[in-house]
Amino acid sequence: MRNILVWTWRTALAGIVGMISVVAVFRIVPPAFTPLMMWRFVQAPFTGTSMLVRHQWVSADNVNPTVFRAVINSEDRKFYRHGGIDWDAVRAAERANPGRIKRGKPPRGASTITMQTAKNVFLVPWRSMVRKAFEVVFVYLIEALWGKQRILEVYVNMIEWGDGIYGVQQAARQHFGTTAAQIRPDQAGLLAAVLPNPRKFNAGKPSPYIKRKASGFRGRVGGGASSK
């Protein structure tokens, strides 16, 4: 019994050290790929989707700040005020979702930008309680070791923005024929508006719904710094 406990403790410790180490490395080194990219590649022959992975990292200095403001307005307006998980949103979703599901409506989400970044960079894209537990650990690790600006930089560089399109640089090129640095505020709004379902909605060919949604961001992303 003692040997089992020792082995369990050592395994857990090694796992924690490994998680801390990889998060610390990605504080400096840009991630080259994500588990989601690999999963989409495996899925492609069976789903008829693109087998290409179009991705190019760009530093935050080469991303128009309106992109950051737009995704914050779209996905996580409390980004600078929570520690990775918006527990008020989690509790609100827990209260609302049983009734929403009963009425046939989609459940309300409570995923923050930090949570989405943790899922995109470190975890497989299918749901389970084990994955959720790892997600919470990674969320607090990247908040502690990266800080908010690095989280935003990784988020916009690794997020899926269409079939085979990952990161803001490729999204700008494929959808608008421009670069992340030169993207206009209205285009940044369209990119934000297609989240969190960028394979259903197309920022380059926006539906009336996406145009309306993007127009709601326009006044908040056009200039100045994000309010913290």
Protein backbone atom coordinates (compact mmCIF):
# COMPACT_ATOMS: atom_id res chain seq x y z
CA MET A 1 0.00 0.00 0.00
CA ARG A 2 2.82 2.35 0.88
CA ASN A 3 4.49 1.73 -2.49
CA ILE A 4 1.24 2.58 -4.28
CA LEU A 5 0.92 5.84 -2.36
CA VAL A 6 4.55 6.77 -3.09
CA TRP A 7 4.10 5.96 -6.79
CA THR A 8 0.88 7.97 -6.93
CA TRP A 9 2.51 10.95 -5.22
CA ARG A 10 5.54 10.87 -7.51
CA THR A 11 3.35 10.59 -10.61
CA ALA A 12 1.20 13.52 -9.49
CA LEU A 13 4.27 15.60 -8.67
CA ALA A 14 5.85 14.83 -12.04
CA GLY A 15 2.61 15.81 -13.75
CA ILE A 16 2.44 19.13 -11.91
CA VAL A 17 6.09 19.91 -12.65
CA GLY A 18 5.51 19.03 -16.30
CA MET A 19 2.48 21.32 -16.55
CA ILE A 20 4.33 24.21 -14.92
CA SER A 21 7.33 23.66 -17.20
CA VAL A 22 5.37 23.69 -20.46
CA VAL A 23 3.41 26.78 -19.41
CA ALA A 24 6.68 28.51 -18.49
CA VAL A 25 8.19 27.64 -21.89
CA PHE A 26 5.17 29.04 -23.74
CA ARG A 27 5.55 32.27 -21.78
CA ILE A 28 8.49 32.93 -24.11
CA VAL A 29 8.26 30.47 -27.00
CA PRO A 30 5.24 30.71 -29.35
CA PRO A 31 3.24 27.46 -29.53
CA ALA A 32 3.73 25.84 -32.94
CA PHE A 33 0.46 23.90 -33.02
CA THR A 34 -2.48 22.92 -30.84
CA PRO A 35 -4.31 19.64 -30.13
CA LEU A 36 -7.28 21.10 -32.02
CA MET A 37 -5.16 21.57 -35.15
CA MET A 38 -4.10 17.92 -34.96
CA TRP A 39 -7.68 16.78 -34.37
CA ARG A 40 -9.01 18.76 -37.34
CA PHE A 41 -6.30 17.23 -39.53
CA VAL A 42 -7.30 13.72 -38.45
CA GLN A 43 -10.99 14.51 -39.00
CA ALA A 44 -10.53 16.09 -42.43
CA PRO A 45 -10.66 12.93 -44.63
CA PHE A 46 -13.94 11.92 -42.97
CA THR A 47 -15.63 15.32 -42.88
CA GLY A 48 -14.60 16.79 -46.23
CA THR A 49 -12.89 19.74 -44.55
CA SER A 50 -9.47 21.20 -45.31
CA MET A 51 -6.38 19.19 -44.43
CA LEU A 52 -4.32 22.38 -44.59
CA VAL A 53 -3.24 24.08 -41.38
CA ARG A 54 -2.72 27.73 -42.23
CA HIS A 55 -1.05 29.41 -39.28
CA GLN A 56 1.58 32.08 -38.76
CA TRP A 57 2.53 33.57 -35.41
CA VAL A 58 2.80 37.35 -35.12
CA SER A 59 3.82 39.28 -32.04
CA ALA A 60 1.31 41.45 -30.23
CA ASP A 61 3.15 44.51 -31.58
CA ASN A 62 2.17 43.41 -35.09
CA VAL A 63 -1.54 43.05 -34.32
CA ASN A 64 -3.80 46.06 -34.60
CA PRO A 65 -5.02 46.79 -31.04
CA THR A 66 -8.59 46.89 -32.29
CA VAL A 67 -8.42 43.08 -32.60
CA PHE A 68 -7.74 42.72 -28.89
CA ARG A 69 -10.50 45.16 -27.99
CA ALA A 70 -12.95 43.40 -30.31
CA VAL A 71 -12.39 39.90 -28.92
CA ILE A 72 -12.62 41.18 -25.35
CA ASN A 73 -15.92 42.89 -26.14
CA SER A 74 -17.20 39.77 -27.85
CA GLU A 75 -15.93 37.02 -25.59
CA ASP A 76 -14.97 38.29 -22.16
CA ARG A 77 -15.73 41.86 -21.07
CA LYS A 78 -14.45 41.14 -17.55
CA PHE A 79 -11.13 39.85 -18.89
CA TYR A 80 -9.02 42.32 -16.93
CA ARG A 81 -11.10 41.95 -13.78
CA HIS A 82 -11.16 38.19 -13.15
CA GLY A 83 -8.41 35.74 -12.28
CA GLY A 84 -9.04 33.41 -15.20
CA ILE A 85 -12.52 32.13 -14.39
CA ASP A 86 -15.54 34.41 -14.15
CA TRP A 87 -17.31 32.67 -11.28
CA ASP A 88 -20.28 35.03 -11.44
CA ALA A 89 -20.83 33.95 -15.07
CA VAL A 90 -20.42 30.30 -14.10
CA ARG A 91 -23.08 30.59 -11.40
CA ALA A 92 -25.41 32.51 -13.73
CA ALA A 93 -25.03 29.77 -16.37
CA GLU A 94 -25.73 27.06 -13.80
CA ARG A 95 -28.96 28.82 -12.82
CA ALA A 96 -30.09 29.55 -16.37
CA ASN A 97 -29.09 26.43 -18.30
CA PRO A 98 -31.58 23.87 -16.97
CA GLY A 99 -34.45 26.10 -18.11
CA ARG A 100 -32.77 26.94 -21.42
CA ILE A 101 -32.15 23.29 -22.22
CA LYS A 102 -35.73 22.42 -21.27
CA ARG A 103 -36.98 25.05 -23.74
CA GLY A 104 -34.68 23.71 -26.48
CA LYS A 105 -32.30 26.65 -26.35
CA PRO A 106 -28.50 26.27 -26.37
CA PRO A 107 -26.87 26.47 -22.93
CA ARG A 108 -25.37 29.76 -21.82
CA GLY A 109 -21.58 29.71 -21.86
CA ALA A 110 -19.25 31.03 -19.19
CA SER A 111 -15.90 30.45 -20.86
CA THR A 112 -13.41 33.28 -20.49
CA ILE A 113 -10.59 34.13 -22.90
CA THR A 114 -8.17 32.54 -20.44
CA MET A 115 -10.22 29.34 -20.37
CA GLN A 116 -10.43 29.25 -24.15
CA THR A 117 -6.68 29.76 -24.40
CA ALA A 118 -6.01 26.91 -21.97
CA LYS A 119 -8.30 24.60 -23.97
CA ASN A 120 -6.86 25.63 -27.34
CA VAL A 121 -3.19 25.33 -26.45
CA PHE A 122 -2.98 22.46 -23.98
CA LEU A 123 -6.02 20.19 -24.12
CA VAL A 124 -7.84 17.80 -26.44
CA PRO A 125 -11.05 19.24 -27.92
CA TRP A 126 -13.57 16.80 -26.46
CA ARG A 127 -15.37 17.24 -23.17
CA SER A 128 -14.89 15.25 -20.00
CA MET A 129 -14.66 15.93 -16.27
CA VAL A 130 -10.96 15.02 -16.33
CA ARG A 131 -10.28 17.54 -19.07
CA LYS A 132 -12.26 20.16 -17.18
CA ALA A 133 -10.10 19.58 -14.10
CA PHE A 134 -6.92 20.02 -16.14
CA GLU A 135 -8.40 23.13 -17.73
CA VAL A 136 -8.85 24.78 -14.33
CA VAL A 137 -5.23 24.03 -13.41
CA PHE A 138 -3.93 25.42 -16.71
CA VAL A 139 -6.13 28.51 -16.37
CA TYR A 140 -4.59 29.50 -13.07
CA LEU A 141 -1.07 28.61 -14.23
CA ILE A 142 -1.22 30.81 -17.31
CA GLU A 143 -2.79 33.66 -15.36
CA ALA A 144 0.10 33.44 -12.87
CA LEU A 145 2.97 32.81 -15.29
CA TRP A 146 1.89 34.67 -18.45
CA GLY A 147 -0.21 37.64 -17.40
CA LYS A 148 -3.08 39.17 -19.32
CA GLN A 149 -1.20 40.57 -22.31
CA ARG A 150 0.54 37.28 -23.10
CA ILE A 151 -2.78 35.43 -22.76
CA LEU A 152 -4.33 37.78 -25.33
CA GLU A 153 -1.35 37.42 -27.64
CA VAL A 154 -1.52 33.61 -27.54
CA TYR A 155 -5.31 33.61 -27.83
CA VAL A 156 -5.50 35.64 -31.06
CA ASN A 157 -2.58 33.70 -32.54
CA MET A 158 -3.86 30.18 -31.88
CA ILE A 159 -7.65 30.42 -32.09
CA GLU A 160 -9.48 28.79 -35.00
CA TRP A 161 -10.93 31.39 -37.40
CA GLY A 162 -12.30 29.21 -40.17
CA ASP A 163 -11.72 25.88 -41.89
CA GLY A 164 -7.96 25.35 -41.66
CA ILE A 165 -7.40 28.96 -40.58
CA TYR A 166 -5.67 29.58 -37.25
CA GLY A 167 -4.54 32.85 -35.76
CA VAL A 168 -5.25 36.46 -36.60
CA GLN A 169 -2.55 36.79 -39.26
CA GLN A 170 -4.00 34.03 -41.43
CA ALA A 171 -7.54 35.15 -40.65
CA ALA A 172 -6.71 38.65 -41.90
CA ARG A 173 -5.11 37.27 -45.06
CA GLN A 174 -7.75 34.67 -45.91
CA HIS A 175 -10.83 36.75 -45.08
CA PHE A 176 -9.73 40.29 -45.94
CA GLY A 177 -6.51 40.11 -47.98
CA THR A 178 -4.59 42.13 -45.41
CA THR A 179 -2.37 41.58 -42.36
CA ALA A 180 -3.00 41.56 -38.64
CA ALA A 181 -1.19 44.89 -38.34
CA GLN A 182 -3.27 46.58 -41.04
CA ILE A 183 -6.68 45.16 -40.23
CA ARG A 184 -9.43 47.78 -39.96
CA PRO A 185 -11.72 48.18 -36.93
CA ASP A 186 -14.75 46.95 -38.88
CA GLN A 187 -12.81 43.85 -39.96
CA ALA A 188 -11.67 43.23 -36.38
CA GLY A 189 -15.34 43.44 -35.37
CA LEU A 190 -16.29 40.83 -37.97
CA LEU A 191 -13.57 38.45 -36.74
CA ALA A 192 -14.82 38.83 -33.19
CA ALA A 193 -18.44 38.44 -34.26
CA VAL A 194 -17.93 34.94 -35.68
CA LEU A 195 -16.64 33.67 -32.35
CA PRO A 196 -17.22 31.16 -30.85
CA ASN A 197 -18.36 29.36 -34.04
CA PRO A 198 -15.93 30.42 -36.79
CA ARG A 199 -16.59 27.30 -38.89
CA LYS A 200 -20.30 28.06 -39.12
CA PHE A 201 -19.93 31.80 -39.73
CA ASN A 202 -17.52 33.43 -42.18
CA ALA A 203 -15.95 36.77 -41.29
CA GLY A 204 -15.04 37.38 -44.94
CA LYS A 205 -18.59 36.71 -46.16
CA PRO A 206 -20.66 37.82 -43.18
CA SER A 207 -24.35 37.07 -42.88
CA PRO A 208 -26.76 39.87 -41.86
CA TYR A 209 -26.64 38.44 -38.31
CA ILE A 210 -22.83 38.68 -38.17
CA LYS A 211 -22.91 42.21 -39.62
CA ARG A 212 -25.36 43.31 -36.91
CA LYS A 213 -23.30 41.69 -34.21
CA ALA A 214 -20.08 43.27 -35.50
CA SER A 215 -21.67 46.70 -35.72
CA GLY A 216 -22.31 46.52 -31.98
CA PHE A 217 -18.55 46.35 -31.37
CA ARG A 218 -17.59 49.16 -33.72
CA GLY A 219 -17.95 52.06 -31.33
CA ARG A 220 -16.03 50.22 -28.62
CA VAL A 221 -13.00 49.14 -30.66
CA GLY A 222 -12.32 52.12 -32.89
CA GLY A 223 -9.69 53.85 -30.81
CA GLY A 224 -7.88 54.15 -27.54
CA ALA A 225 -6.70 51.42 -25.22
CA SER A 226 -8.79 48.72 -23.67
CA SER A 227 -10.19 49.73 -20.34
CA LYS A 228 -8.97 47.58 -17.54
